[in-house]
Every structure is written in C-alpha cells, then in structure tokens.
C-alpha atoms as a PDB file:
ATOM      1  CA  MET A   1       0.000   0.000   0.000  1.00  0.00           C
ATOM      2  CA  VAL A   2       2.829   2.385   0.882  1.00  0.00           C
ATOM      3  CA  THR A   3       4.492   1.652  -2.447  1.00  0.00           C
ATOM      4  CA  PHE A   4       1.238   2.439  -4.281  1.00  0.00           C
ATOM      5  CA  TRP A   5       0.950   5.853  -2.644  1.00  0.00           C
ATOM      6  CA  VAL A   6       4.618   6.644  -3.241  1.00  0.00           C
ATOM      7  CA  VAL A   7       4.285   5.768  -6.928  1.00  0.00           C
ATOM      8  CA  SER A   8       1.036   7.728  -7.203  1.00  0.00           C
ATOM      9  CA  ALA A   9       2.628  10.793  -5.595  1.00  0.00           C
ATOM     10  CA  ALA A  10       5.632  10.534  -7.917  1.00  0.00           C
ATOM     11  CA  VAL A  11       3.383  10.288 -10.987  1.00  0.00           C
ATOM     12  CA  ALA A  12       1.318  13.263  -9.811  1.00  0.00           C
ATOM     13  CA  ALA A  13       4.438  15.347  -9.160  1.00  0.00           C
ATOM     14  CA  ALA A  14       5.888  14.457 -12.568  1.00  0.00           C
ATOM     15  CA  SER A  15       2.580  15.334 -14.246  1.00  0.00           C
ATOM     16  CA  LEU A  16       2.435  18.714 -12.532  1.00  0.00           C
ATOM     17  CA  TYR A  17       6.036  19.413 -13.473  1.00  0.00           C
ATOM     18  CA  TRP A  18       5.248  18.588 -17.101  1.00  0.00           C
ATOM     19  CA  LEU A  19       2.056  20.651 -17.119  1.00  0.00           C
ATOM     20  CA  LEU A  20       3.367  23.743 -15.333  1.00  0.00           C
ATOM     21  CA  ILE A  21       7.123  23.835 -15.979  1.00  0.00           C
ATOM     22  CA  ILE A  22       8.018  21.888 -19.125  1.00  0.00           C
ATOM     23  CA  THR A  23       4.969  22.861 -21.191  1.00  0.00           C
ATOM     24  CA  GLU A  24       4.323  26.128 -19.306  1.00  0.00           C
ATOM     25  CA  GLY A  25       0.618  25.473 -18.784  1.00  0.00           C
ATOM     26  CA  THR A  26      -0.205  25.130 -22.474  1.00  0.00           C
ATOM     27  CA  TYR A  27      -2.327  21.998 -21.972  1.00  0.00           C
ATOM     28  CA  LEU A  28      -4.304  23.729 -19.224  1.00  0.00           C
ATOM     29  CA  GLY A  29      -5.567  26.549 -21.434  1.00  0.00           C
ATOM     30  CA  THR A  30      -4.612  30.065 -22.504  1.00  0.00           C
ATOM     31  CA  ARG A  31      -5.631  31.692 -19.231  1.00  0.00           C
ATOM     32  CA  VAL A  32      -3.217  29.495 -17.289  1.00  0.00           C
ATOM     33  CA  VAL A  33      -0.402  30.254 -19.732  1.00  0.00           C
ATOM     34  CA  VAL A  34      -0.971  34.017 -19.450  1.00  0.00           C
ATOM     35  CA  TRP A  35      -1.225  33.753 -15.660  1.00  0.00           C
ATOM     36  CA  LEU A  36       2.091  31.908 -15.444  1.00  0.00           C
ATOM     37  CA  TYR A  37       3.852  34.443 -17.675  1.00  0.00           C
ATOM     38  CA  ASP A  38       2.387  37.317 -15.679  1.00  0.00           C
ATOM     39  CA  LEU A  39       3.563  35.612 -12.491  1.00  0.00           C
ATOM     40  CA  TYR A  40       7.161  35.147 -13.656  1.00  0.00           C
ATOM     41  CA  ALA A  41       7.540  38.219 -15.858  1.00  0.00           C
ATOM     42  CA  ARG A  42      10.111  39.925 -13.636  1.00  0.00           C
ATOM     43  CA  ARG A  43      12.215  36.762 -13.344  1.00  0.00           C
ATOM     44  CA  TYR A  44      11.799  35.559 -16.936  1.00  0.00           C
ATOM     45  CA  ASP A  45      14.967  37.045 -18.438  1.00  0.00           C
ATOM     46  CA  ARG A  46      17.110  35.812 -15.551  1.00  0.00           C
ATOM     47  CA  ALA A  47      15.676  32.311 -15.975  1.00  0.00           C
ATOM     48  CA  LYS A  48      16.345  32.340 -19.734  1.00  0.00           C
ATOM     49  CA  ASN A  49      19.908  33.613 -19.225  1.00  0.00           C
ATOM     50  CA  LEU A  50      20.012  35.043 -22.750  1.00  0.00           C
ATOM     51  CA  SER A  51      23.318  35.979 -24.344  1.00  0.00           C
ATOM     52  CA  TYR A  52      23.079  39.392 -26.006  1.00  0.00           C
ATOM     53  CA  VAL A  53      25.920  38.544 -28.387  1.00  0.00           C
ATOM     54  CA  PHE A  54      24.243  35.248 -29.327  1.00  0.00           C
ATOM     55  CA  GLU A  55      20.908  37.015 -29.858  1.00  0.00           C
ATOM     56  CA  ALA A  56      22.415  39.672 -32.087  1.00  0.00           C
ATOM     57  CA  ARG A  57      24.408  37.094 -34.080  1.00  0.00           C
ATOM     58  CA  PHE A  58      21.531  34.753 -34.921  1.00  0.00           C
ATOM     59  CA  ILE A  59      18.493  37.042 -34.799  1.00  0.00           C
ATOM     60  CA  GLY A  60      19.353  40.727 -34.945  1.00  0.00           C
ATOM     61  CA  LEU A  61      22.067  40.855 -37.613  1.00  0.00           C
ATOM     62  CA  PRO A  62      20.383  38.461 -40.112  1.00  0.00           C
ATOM     63  CA  LEU A  63      17.139  40.435 -39.885  1.00  0.00           C
ATOM     64  CA  VAL A  64      18.874  43.792 -40.220  1.00  0.00           C
ATOM     65  CA  GLN A  65      20.794  42.582 -43.272  1.00  0.00           C
ATOM     66  CA  ALA A  66      17.736  41.001 -44.901  1.00  0.00           C
ATOM     67  CA  LEU A  67      15.692  44.172 -44.464  1.00  0.00           C
ATOM     68  CA  SER A  68      18.459  46.617 -45.373  1.00  0.00           C
ATOM     69  CA  PRO A  69      17.112  47.274 -48.917  1.00  0.00           C
ATOM     70  CA  LEU A  70      13.863  48.627 -47.415  1.00  0.00           C
ATOM     71  CA  PRO A  71      13.912  52.297 -46.350  1.00  0.00           C
ATOM     72  CA  VAL A  72      11.245  51.950 -43.635  1.00  0.00           C
ATOM     73  CA  PRO A  73      10.573  48.268 -42.846  1.00  0.00           C
ATOM     74  CA  ARG A  74       7.770  47.129 -40.576  1.00  0.00           C
ATOM     75  CA  ILE A  75       8.492  44.164 -38.306  1.00  0.00           C
ATOM     76  CA  LEU A  76       6.061  42.214 -36.118  1.00  0.00           C
ATOM     77  CA  ASP A  77       7.287  40.005 -33.288  1.00  0.00           C
ATOM     78  CA  VAL A  78       4.531  37.595 -32.213  1.00  0.00           C
ATOM     79  CA  ALA A  79       4.650  36.359 -28.597  1.00  0.00           C
ATOM     80  CA  SER A  80       7.256  39.041 -27.988  1.00  0.00           C
ATOM     81  CA  GLY A  81       7.412  38.507 -24.242  1.00  0.00           C
ATOM     82  CA  THR A  82      10.023  40.790 -22.697  1.00  0.00           C
ATOM     83  CA  GLY A  83      11.018  42.252 -26.056  1.00  0.00           C
ATOM     84  CA  ARG A  84      13.642  39.761 -27.145  1.00  0.00           C
ATOM     85  CA  VAL A  85      13.514  40.427 -30.895  1.00  0.00           C
ATOM     86  CA  PRO A  86      13.150  44.243 -30.681  1.00  0.00           C
ATOM     87  CA  MET A  87      16.175  44.373 -28.391  1.00  0.00           C
ATOM     88  CA  ALA A  88      18.182  42.010 -30.596  1.00  0.00           C
ATOM     89  CA  LEU A  89      17.482  44.286 -33.557  1.00  0.00           C
ATOM     90  CA  GLN A  90      18.554  47.374 -31.652  1.00  0.00           C
ATOM     91  CA  ARG A  91      21.751  45.728 -30.450  1.00  0.00           C
ATOM     92  CA  ALA A  92      22.512  44.771 -34.060  1.00  0.00           C
ATOM     93  CA  GLY A  93      22.314  48.378 -35.167  1.00  0.00           C
ATOM     94  CA  GLY A  94      18.582  48.616 -35.800  1.00  0.00           C
ATOM     95  CA  ALA A  95      16.571  47.924 -38.922  1.00  0.00           C
ATOM     96  CA  GLY A  96      14.890  51.320 -39.006  1.00  0.00           C
ATOM     97  CA  GLY A  97      11.173  51.611 -39.534  1.00  0.00           C
ATOM     98  CA  LEU A  98       8.776  50.230 -36.941  1.00  0.00           C
ATOM     99  CA  VAL A  99       9.040  47.169 -34.706  1.00  0.00           C
ATOM    100  CA  VAL A 100       5.847  45.924 -33.040  1.00  0.00           C
ATOM    101  CA  GLY A 101       5.923  43.379 -30.231  1.00  0.00           C
ATOM    102  CA  ALA A 102       2.639  41.549 -29.536  1.00  0.00           C
ATOM    103  CA  ASP A 103       1.920  39.312 -26.540  1.00  0.00           C
ATOM    104  CA  ARG A 104      -0.999  38.163 -24.360  1.00  0.00           C
ATOM    105  CA  SER A 105       0.834  38.813 -21.073  1.00  0.00           C
ATOM    106  CA  ARG A 106       0.571  42.452 -20.017  1.00  0.00           C
ATOM    107  CA  ARG A 107       3.264  42.066 -17.365  1.00  0.00           C
ATOM    108  CA  MET A 108       5.712  40.613 -19.881  1.00  0.00           C
ATOM    109  CA  LEU A 109       4.993  43.597 -22.115  1.00  0.00           C
ATOM    110  CA  ALA A 110       5.579  45.954 -19.189  1.00  0.00           C
ATOM    111  CA  GLU A 111       9.013  44.366 -18.725  1.00  0.00           C
ATOM    112  CA  ALA A 112       9.673  44.787 -22.458  1.00  0.00           C
ATOM    113  CA  ARG A 113       8.790  48.479 -22.381  1.00  0.00           C
ATOM    114  CA  ALA A 114      11.072  49.030 -19.390  1.00  0.00           C
ATOM    115  CA  ALA A 115      13.997  47.065 -20.852  1.00  0.00           C
ATOM    116  CA  THR A 116      14.051  48.195 -24.485  1.00  0.00           C
ATOM    117  CA  PRO A 117      17.300  50.220 -24.728  1.00  0.00           C
ATOM    118  CA  ASP A 118      15.957  52.920 -27.023  1.00  0.00           C
ATOM    119  CA  PRO A 119      12.189  53.207 -26.596  1.00  0.00           C
ATOM    120  CA  GLY A 120      10.265  55.539 -28.845  1.00  0.00           C
ATOM    121  CA  GLN A 121       8.218  55.620 -31.976  1.00  0.00           C
ATOM    122  CA  SER A 122      10.357  52.899 -33.599  1.00  0.00           C
ATOM    123  CA  VAL A 123       9.262  50.280 -31.032  1.00  0.00           C
ATOM    124  CA  ALA A 124       5.692  49.614 -29.904  1.00  0.00           C
ATOM    125  CA  TYR A 125       4.207  46.883 -27.715  1.00  0.00           C
ATOM    126  CA  LEU A 126       0.587  45.790 -27.546  1.00  0.00           C
ATOM    127  CA  CYS A 127      -1.496  43.064 -25.952  1.00  0.00           C
ATOM    128  CA  ALA A 128      -2.889  40.842 -28.698  1.00  0.00           C
ATOM    129  CA  ASP A 129      -3.978  37.281 -29.431  1.00  0.00           C
ATOM    130  CA  ALA A 130      -1.545  35.586 -31.813  1.00  0.00           C
ATOM    131  CA  ALA A 131      -4.420  33.650 -33.378  1.00  0.00           C
ATOM    132  CA  ALA A 132      -6.341  36.855 -34.154  1.00  0.00           C
ATOM    133  CA  LEU A 133      -3.792  39.571 -34.892  1.00  0.00           C
ATOM    134  CA  PRO A 134      -5.305  43.085 -34.998  1.00  0.00           C
ATOM    135  CA  PHE A 135      -3.656  44.040 -38.298  1.00  0.00           C
ATOM    136  CA  GLY A 136      -4.721  44.106 -41.902  1.00  0.00           C
ATOM    137  CA  ALA A 137      -3.412  41.676 -44.490  1.00  0.00           C
ATOM    138  CA  ASN A 138      -0.010  42.388 -46.066  1.00  0.00           C
ATOM    139  CA  THR A 139       1.068  44.856 -43.346  1.00  0.00           C
ATOM    140  CA  PHE A 140       4.575  43.758 -42.292  1.00  0.00           C
ATOM    141  CA  ASP A 141       7.847  43.238 -44.130  1.00  0.00           C
ATOM    142  CA  ALA A 142       8.954  40.650 -41.570  1.00  0.00           C
ATOM    143  CA  VAL A 143       7.183  38.576 -38.917  1.00  0.00           C
ATOM    144  CA  THR A 144       9.016  36.688 -36.185  1.00  0.00           C
ATOM    145  CA  CYS A 145       7.942  34.224 -33.480  1.00  0.00           C
ATOM    146  CA  LEU A 146      10.522  32.590 -31.214  1.00  0.00           C
ATOM    147  CA  GLU A 147      10.173  29.754 -28.684  1.00  0.00           C
ATOM    148  CA  SER A 148       6.393  30.044 -28.695  1.00  0.00           C
ATOM    149  CA  LEU A 149       4.591  27.976 -31.331  1.00  0.00           C
ATOM    150  CA  GLU A 150       4.823  24.734 -29.355  1.00  0.00           C
ATOM    151  CA  PHE A 151       3.050  26.475 -26.458  1.00  0.00           C
ATOM    152  CA  MET A 152       0.056  27.413 -28.629  1.00  0.00           C
ATOM    153  CA  ALA A 153      -2.900  25.040 -28.938  1.00  0.00           C
ATOM    154  CA  SER A 154      -3.813  26.642 -32.269  1.00  0.00           C
ATOM    155  CA  GLY A 155      -0.331  26.641 -33.789  1.00  0.00           C
ATOM    156  CA  ARG A 156      -1.529  26.345 -37.379  1.00  0.00           C
ATOM    157  CA  ALA A 157      -4.049  29.155 -36.892  1.00  0.00           C
ATOM    158  CA  VAL A 158      -1.266  31.355 -35.503  1.00  0.00           C
ATOM    159  CA  LEU A 159       0.939  30.429 -38.441  1.00  0.00           C
ATOM    160  CA  ALA A 160      -1.854  31.350 -40.854  1.00  0.00           C
ATOM    161  CA  GLU A 161      -2.295  34.708 -39.108  1.00  0.00           C
ATOM    162  CA  MET A 162       1.412  35.493 -39.370  1.00  0.00           C
ATOM    163  CA  VAL A 163       1.370  34.653 -43.069  1.00  0.00           C
ATOM    164  CA  ARG A 164      -1.765  36.767 -43.549  1.00  0.00           C
ATOM    165  CA  VAL A 165      -0.239  39.952 -42.110  1.00  0.00           C
ATOM    166  CA  LEU A 166       3.072  39.401 -43.935  1.00  0.00           C
ATOM    167  CA  LYS A 167       3.563  41.354 -47.148  1.00  0.00           C
ATOM    168  CA  PRO A 168       4.222  39.483 -50.420  1.00  0.00           C
ATOM    169  CA  GLY A 169       7.975  39.028 -50.562  1.00  0.00           C
ATOM    170  CA  GLY A 170       8.134  39.430 -46.787  1.00  0.00           C
ATOM    171  CA  LEU A 171      10.325  37.394 -44.442  1.00  0.00           C
ATOM    172  CA  LEU A 172       9.120  34.939 -41.797  1.00  0.00           C
ATOM    173  CA  LEU A 173      11.460  33.855 -38.977  1.00  0.00           C
ATOM    174  CA  LEU A 174      10.317  31.119 -36.586  1.00  0.00           C
ATOM    175  CA  SER A 175      11.872  28.806 -34.053  1.00  0.00           C
ATOM    176  CA  ASN A 176      11.038  25.100 -34.153  1.00  0.00           C
ATOM    177  CA  ARG A 177      11.209  22.790 -31.122  1.00  0.00           C
ATOM    178  CA  VAL A 178      13.223  19.754 -32.197  1.00  0.00           C
ATOM    179  CA  GLY A 179      14.795  16.529 -30.960  1.00  0.00           C
ATOM    180  CA  SER A 180      13.496  14.266 -28.203  1.00  0.00           C
ATOM    181  CA  ASP A 181      12.398  17.334 -26.273  1.00  0.00           C
ATOM    182  CA  ALA A 182       9.690  17.971 -28.900  1.00  0.00           C
ATOM    183  CA  LEU A 183       8.035  14.660 -27.943  1.00  0.00           C
ATOM    184  CA  LEU A 184       6.927  16.356 -24.726  1.00  0.00           C
ATOM    185  CA  PHE A 185       4.534  18.503 -26.794  1.00  0.00           C
ATOM    186  CA  PRO A 186       2.087  16.009 -28.358  1.00  0.00           C
ATOM    187  CA  GLY A 187      -0.277  17.490 -30.918  1.00  0.00           C
ATOM    188  CA  ARG A 188       1.669  20.729 -31.214  1.00  0.00           C
ATOM    189  CA  LEU A 189       3.378  22.247 -34.243  1.00  0.00           C
ATOM    190  CA  CYS A 190       6.976  21.191 -33.607  1.00  0.00           C
ATOM    191  CA  ARG A 191       9.641  18.588 -34.492  1.00  0.00           C
ATOM    192  CA  ARG A 192      12.136  18.887 -37.319  1.00  0.00           C
ATOM    193  CA  GLY A 193      10.480  18.831 -40.741  1.00  0.00           C
ATOM    194  CA  ARG A 194       6.908  19.242 -39.517  1.00  0.00           C
ATOM    195  CA  LEU A 195       6.959  23.043 -39.355  1.00  0.00           C
ATOM    196  CA  GLU A 196       8.722  23.214 -42.704  1.00  0.00           C
ATOM    197  CA  ARG A 197       6.000  21.044 -44.266  1.00  0.00           C
ATOM    198  CA  ALA A 198       3.285  23.272 -42.806  1.00  0.00           C
ATOM    199  CA  LEU A 199       4.958  26.329 -44.321  1.00  0.00           C
ATOM    200  CA  GLY A 200       5.175  24.578 -47.677  1.00  0.00           C
ATOM    201  CA  GLU A 201       1.477  23.739 -47.517  1.00  0.00           C
ATOM    202  CA  MET A 202       0.818  27.453 -47.059  1.00  0.00           C
ATOM    203  CA  GLU A 203       2.828  28.041 -50.253  1.00  0.00           C
ATOM    204  CA  LEU A 204       5.697  29.869 -48.605  1.00  0.00           C
ATOM    205  CA  ARG A 205       9.026  29.736 -50.403  1.00  0.00           C
ATOM    206  CA  ASP A 206      12.756  29.650 -49.675  1.00  0.00           C
ATOM    207  CA  ILE A 207      12.126  27.558 -46.557  1.00  0.00           C
ATOM    208  CA  THR A 208      15.411  26.883 -44.785  1.00  0.00           C
ATOM    209  CA  GLY A 209      16.311  25.607 -41.335  1.00  0.00           C
ATOM    210  CA  GLU A 210      19.441  26.087 -39.282  1.00  0.00           C
ATOM    211  CA  ARG A 211      20.631  24.731 -35.945  1.00  0.00           C
ATOM    212  CA  TRP A 212      20.226  27.326 -33.229  1.00  0.00           C
ATOM    213  CA  GLN A 213      19.946  25.908 -29.733  1.00  0.00           C
ATOM    214  CA  VAL A 214      19.895  22.459 -28.164  1.00  0.00           C
ATOM    215  CA  HIS A 215      16.105  22.298 -28.354  1.00  0.00           C
ATOM    216  CA  TYR A 216      15.442  24.679 -31.250  1.00  0.00           C
ATOM    217  CA  ASP A 217      16.110  25.242 -34.936  1.00  0.00           C
ATOM    218  CA  LEU A 218      15.543  28.552 -36.669  1.00  0.00           C
ATOM    219  CA  VAL A 219      13.319  28.344 -39.752  1.00  0.00           C
ATOM    220  CA  TRP A 220      13.288  31.076 -42.395  1.00  0.00           C
ATOM    221  CA  ALA A 221      10.717  31.447 -45.163  1.00  0.00           C
ATOM    222  CA  SER A 222       9.379  34.065 -47.554  1.00  0.00           C
ATOM    223  CA  LYS A 223       5.883  34.844 -48.784  1.00  0.00           C
ATOM    224  CA  PRO A 224       5.483  34.745 -52.569  1.00  0.00           C
END
C-alpha cells in the first residue's frame, strides 16, 4: 500500500512538473499560460539567461541585413514577451522603420517596455492574441515568433495569421522545437520537418532551417 501511494505521488508530481514547468501550462488553457507568464515576468529574463551577443548574431544581424534594402521596414514580433527580438534588432544596429511586439501577457509587455534600450516611436508593444492579430493583411515586411509555437494550442491558426499579415515578398522567422524534447509537446506544431511542411502547404518559399539551440532550430521562409 505504501508503495502504491509513493508511486502515485511521484506520478502526480511528474505530471504537474510537465504541465506547469516543461509545457508552461499550455495543456491547461490560454488563461493558465498568461497567468504563469504574468507571475514570472520579472524573473523571466534571468531564468532564460540570454546571451546578447548570441541574440544579435543569430536574430538581430540576419534580420537587419535582410531588411536593409527597405527604407522603412515594418516588423512584427509575435509572442514578444520581454522584447527579445526588438532588443536584438537594436543591439545589431537597428533595422529602421517600426518594430511591433505583440503578446498576451501584459506584465511581460511591461518588462519589455522598461527594458528596451531605445524606446520611442520605432518600437511599440501591444497586448494581442496571436491567433487573431489586430492588423490588416499584407502589413509587415517581416514577422518573427521565437520559442512560442509549441506552447500554442492553435499553432496552425497562428501560423496562418502570421502569413496573412506578412507582405508578399516578406520574411518569416520562426523557431522550431526539435529533438526528443519535442516529444513532450504532443499534438503541437513542432519537431524537425513538420513546421517546414506546414509552411510549404501554405505556399511559402525559400524555406530553410538552421541549428540554433539544443532544443530549437531557426526556420526562415518568404511569402510569394
């Protein structure tokens, strides 16, 4: 009997760890996810331990270079959190134009506004649902979404929204959860090759993947 209760407690603890820590509440619903991000907003960047040089090298500089032919590019960062992409762009010299960071967590956005090195008209943050972006079609020259798609129950709907607001010829930059770690997200849009196939089905072009982190690839694509 004691063994039964010990095993049951261990299974329950492992399940809670998976639900709340590994998958960040995604299988418990959007409200739980937003609540968790609001709760840990002030500690989020410390927990991530981001390298500014690494961020500029793999995110900021490639975006700045890709958008350099455009005089006033518009960039949307979906699930922007604490402003990771806007700050990476600024540390890489800036792409000019307007950068918009959208997220459901108001406290994460408050941290982003406070941390962005050069706030002003070039950077704006707003609370928005990634599956129902409040922008017209063909609005942005580039759309990014990092370390977020696997936490969204409606990953394909979010992907369709990002493609919708992207201008023809525009650039899409996503991260893709890969490796054995991706198996912890059943039913979600992740694993190597799966995201690329989804982009192909949406008729995006120039789809390329590159190794980025232990658990993530970066996937680039363009809208015809």
